[in-house]
Protein backbone atom coordinates (compact mmCIF):
# COMPACT_ATOMS: atom_id res chain seq x y z
CA MET A 1 32.47 9.42 4.21
CA LYS A 2 34.83 7.86 2.02
CA ARG A 3 34.07 4.64 3.19
CA ALA A 4 30.40 4.72 2.36
CA SER A 5 31.24 6.52 -1.30
CA LEU A 6 33.08 3.17 -1.93
CA ALA A 7 30.28 1.26 -0.71
CA ILE A 8 28.13 3.20 -2.89
CA ILE A 9 30.53 2.55 -5.64
CA ALA A 10 30.76 -1.28 -5.20
CA THR A 11 27.17 -1.57 -4.90
CA THR A 12 26.64 0.34 -8.33
CA PHE A 13 29.40 -1.70 -9.93
CA ALA A 14 27.74 -4.99 -8.85
CA VAL A 15 24.40 -4.21 -10.12
CA SER A 16 25.63 -2.87 -13.43
CA GLN A 17 27.54 -6.39 -13.39
CA ALA A 18 24.48 -8.62 -12.79
CA TYR A 19 22.36 -6.42 -15.45
CA ALA A 20 25.15 -7.13 -17.68
CA LEU A 21 25.22 -10.69 -16.76
CA ASP A 22 21.33 -10.67 -17.30
CA THR A 23 21.35 -9.14 -20.81
CA ASP A 24 23.92 -11.67 -21.63
CA VAL A 25 22.06 -14.66 -20.69
CA ARG A 26 18.84 -12.99 -22.11
CA ASP A 27 20.44 -12.67 -25.53
CA ARG A 28 21.67 -16.39 -25.45
CA LEU A 29 18.63 -17.62 -24.79
CA LEU A 30 16.78 -15.97 -27.26
CA ALA A 31 19.28 -16.81 -29.87
CA ILE A 32 18.28 -20.58 -29.29
CA PRO A 33 16.11 -21.74 -32.48
CA VAL A 34 12.71 -22.65 -31.72
CA THR A 35 11.72 -26.19 -32.59
CA SER A 36 9.68 -28.96 -31.04
CA GLU A 37 12.66 -30.44 -29.26
CA LEU A 38 13.30 -27.03 -27.09
CA GLY A 39 12.93 -28.72 -23.95
CA GLY A 40 15.33 -31.05 -24.19
CA ASP A 41 14.53 -34.65 -22.53
CA THR A 42 11.73 -32.93 -20.97
CA THR A 43 10.12 -32.06 -24.23
CA ARG A 44 6.48 -33.75 -24.64
CA PRO A 45 5.37 -34.79 -28.04
CA LEU A 46 1.88 -33.95 -27.10
CA ALA A 47 0.61 -30.58 -28.87
CA THR A 48 -2.84 -30.13 -27.40
CA ALA A 49 -4.84 -28.44 -25.12
CA GLU A 50 -3.95 -31.31 -22.37
CA ALA A 51 -0.22 -30.97 -23.08
CA PHE A 52 0.10 -29.45 -18.90
CA THR A 53 -1.75 -32.44 -17.38
CA PHE A 54 0.83 -34.67 -17.61
CA ILE A 55 4.44 -34.76 -15.79
CA SER A 56 7.64 -34.65 -18.12
CA ALA A 57 8.91 -38.21 -19.11
CA ASN A 58 12.28 -37.65 -17.41
CA ALA A 59 11.09 -36.61 -14.04
CA PRO A 60 12.88 -38.05 -11.13
CA SER A 61 10.98 -40.85 -9.48
CA LYS A 62 10.91 -38.80 -6.16
CA VAL A 63 8.93 -36.15 -7.59
CA LYS A 64 5.86 -38.31 -9.23
CA GLY A 65 4.27 -38.63 -5.79
CA GLY A 66 4.01 -35.22 -5.41
CA PHE A 67 2.95 -34.50 -8.93
CA THR A 68 0.27 -37.06 -8.68
CA PHE A 69 -1.12 -35.93 -5.23
CA GLY A 70 -0.79 -32.28 -6.54
CA ASN A 71 -2.88 -33.17 -9.72
CA GLN A 72 -5.78 -35.17 -7.54
CA LEU A 73 -5.81 -31.75 -5.35
CA PHE A 74 -6.11 -29.37 -8.24
CA ASN A 75 -9.06 -31.84 -9.48
CA THR A 76 -10.87 -32.42 -6.09
CA VAL A 77 -14.19 -30.64 -5.69
CA TRP A 78 -14.25 -28.95 -2.45
CA VAL A 79 -17.32 -28.70 -0.25
CA PRO A 80 -18.16 -25.97 2.74
CA ALA A 81 -16.88 -27.23 6.13
CA PRO A 82 -17.66 -29.40 8.01
CA GLY A 83 -18.34 -31.67 4.68
CA PRO A 84 -18.65 -35.47 4.51
CA GLN A 85 -15.26 -35.98 4.01
CA THR A 86 -12.53 -33.72 6.10
CA THR A 87 -10.42 -34.34 3.51
CA THR A 88 -12.33 -32.38 0.89
CA ASP A 89 -13.99 -29.70 3.00
CA GLY A 90 -12.96 -25.98 3.55
CA LEU A 91 -14.45 -24.31 0.47
CA GLY A 92 -15.16 -20.53 1.09
CA PRO A 93 -16.41 -18.47 2.71
CA VAL A 94 -16.06 -16.74 -0.77
CA PHE A 95 -14.55 -18.45 -3.78
CA ASN A 96 -14.72 -18.46 -7.88
CA ARG A 97 -15.78 -22.30 -8.42
CA GLU A 98 -15.47 -25.61 -6.57
CA ALA A 99 -12.33 -27.15 -8.14
CA CYS A 100 -9.12 -25.41 -9.22
CA SER A 101 -9.54 -27.29 -12.90
CA ASP A 102 -13.07 -25.73 -12.91
CA CYS A 103 -11.38 -22.13 -13.98
CA HIS A 104 -7.74 -23.71 -15.23
CA ILE A 105 -9.29 -25.97 -18.12
CA ASN A 106 -6.75 -28.42 -18.96
CA ASN A 107 -4.21 -26.97 -16.38
CA GLY A 108 -4.27 -23.37 -18.14
CA ARG A 109 -5.52 -19.96 -17.87
CA GLY A 110 -9.18 -19.50 -17.45
CA LEU A 111 -11.30 -18.16 -20.72
CA PRO A 112 -13.25 -15.15 -21.18
CA PRO A 113 -17.33 -15.70 -21.76
CA PRO A 114 -17.91 -16.86 -25.08
CA GLU A 115 -20.09 -13.82 -25.67
CA VAL A 116 -21.28 -10.52 -24.24
CA GLY A 117 -23.49 -10.73 -21.22
CA ALA A 118 -22.52 -14.47 -20.77
CA PRO A 119 -21.06 -15.45 -17.27
CA MET A 120 -17.87 -15.80 -16.29
CA ASP A 121 -17.14 -19.47 -15.76
CA SER A 122 -13.32 -19.48 -15.88
CA MET A 123 -12.00 -15.95 -16.00
CA LEU A 124 -11.19 -13.69 -12.84
CA VAL A 125 -11.37 -10.32 -11.99
CA ARG A 126 -8.52 -8.43 -10.02
CA ILE A 127 -9.57 -5.80 -7.78
CA SER A 128 -7.14 -3.13 -6.17
CA VAL A 129 -6.38 0.06 -4.26
CA PRO A 130 -4.00 2.56 -5.20
CA GLY A 131 -0.70 1.82 -3.71
CA GLU A 132 1.45 -1.22 -3.63
CA ASP A 133 1.47 -4.24 -1.52
CA GLN A 134 4.68 -5.56 0.39
CA HIS A 135 6.10 -7.07 -2.61
CA GLY A 136 5.49 -4.24 -5.05
CA GLY A 137 2.42 -5.28 -6.62
CA PRO A 138 -1.18 -4.27 -6.55
CA LYS A 139 -2.49 -3.53 -3.25
CA GLY A 140 -5.51 -5.48 -2.47
CA VAL A 141 -8.80 -4.29 -1.11
CA PRO A 142 -8.38 -4.12 2.66
CA GLY A 143 -10.61 -6.93 4.36
CA TYR A 144 -11.50 -8.20 1.03
CA GLY A 145 -8.14 -9.27 -1.19
CA ASP A 146 -7.03 -8.64 -4.66
CA GLN A 147 -9.61 -11.04 -6.58
CA LEU A 148 -13.23 -10.79 -7.16
CA GLN A 149 -14.95 -13.98 -5.79
CA ASP A 150 -18.19 -14.31 -7.19
CA ARG A 151 -19.58 -16.86 -4.93
CA GLY A 152 -20.18 -17.36 -1.08
CA VAL A 153 -21.22 -20.09 1.38
CA ASP A 154 -23.31 -19.96 4.67
CA GLY A 155 -25.19 -16.64 3.34
CA ARG A 156 -21.71 -14.88 3.54
CA SER A 157 -21.54 -12.07 0.57
CA SER A 158 -19.79 -13.39 -2.39
CA GLY A 159 -18.70 -10.16 -3.48
CA ARG A 160 -20.78 -10.38 -6.55
CA PRO A 161 -22.15 -6.71 -7.61
CA SER A 162 -25.72 -6.65 -9.30
CA ASN A 163 -24.30 -5.25 -12.54
CA TYR A 164 -21.50 -7.78 -12.27
CA ARG A 165 -21.40 -8.59 -16.58
CA VAL A 166 -18.89 -8.20 -19.27
CA GLY A 167 -19.04 -5.48 -21.71
CA ARG A 168 -17.83 -5.32 -25.33
CA ASP A 169 -14.42 -4.42 -24.83
CA CYS A 170 -14.10 -4.32 -20.79
CA TRP A 171 -15.25 -5.50 -17.83
CA PHE A 172 -17.82 -3.49 -16.05
CA VAL A 173 -17.85 -4.42 -11.99
C-alpha cells in the first residue's frame, strides 16, 4: 500500500512539473515579438496566398527531393483504378475532389462557398456519432468514416444527401 501511494505521489509530481515546464515554454514563446523575421532563417519573404507552395530556403538538400515529390503528389489529378497510368489511379470509391490541391487551394485550407446555395467546391463536412475514437477525437460513422465524401465512382454511393446545401449560418446535411 505504501509503495502504491508513493507511486501515485511521484506520478502526480511529475505531471505537475511537466505542466509547469509547458507553461514556462508557452510564456517564453508568447514573449517573442511578432516580426517578419519570426521564422529566423526559415522565414520566406513571400506574404501572399502562395507562401506555403515553396520549400524554405534553408531546407537541407536531403529533404528537397521529398518535398518536390510530395508537392507533385499533392497536385496530381487521380483517376479510378484501373486507369491509363497505374501511378495516378486509385481514386475512390468515394472522394471529395480529384486532387488534393482542388480543395487545398495554394496549399491552404478549403474555402466556404461564396454564397448561400453555391456548391461546396473546397470545403468539407465532418460527421460523427456520439463517443470518442481510439485517440480521443470524434468517433466516425461506422462503415463510413468521419468526413462526408460528396462524390463516388463506379456507381457507388457518394454519400451526398439530396438536401446537401449550405444555409445562411450553418450546413444542412
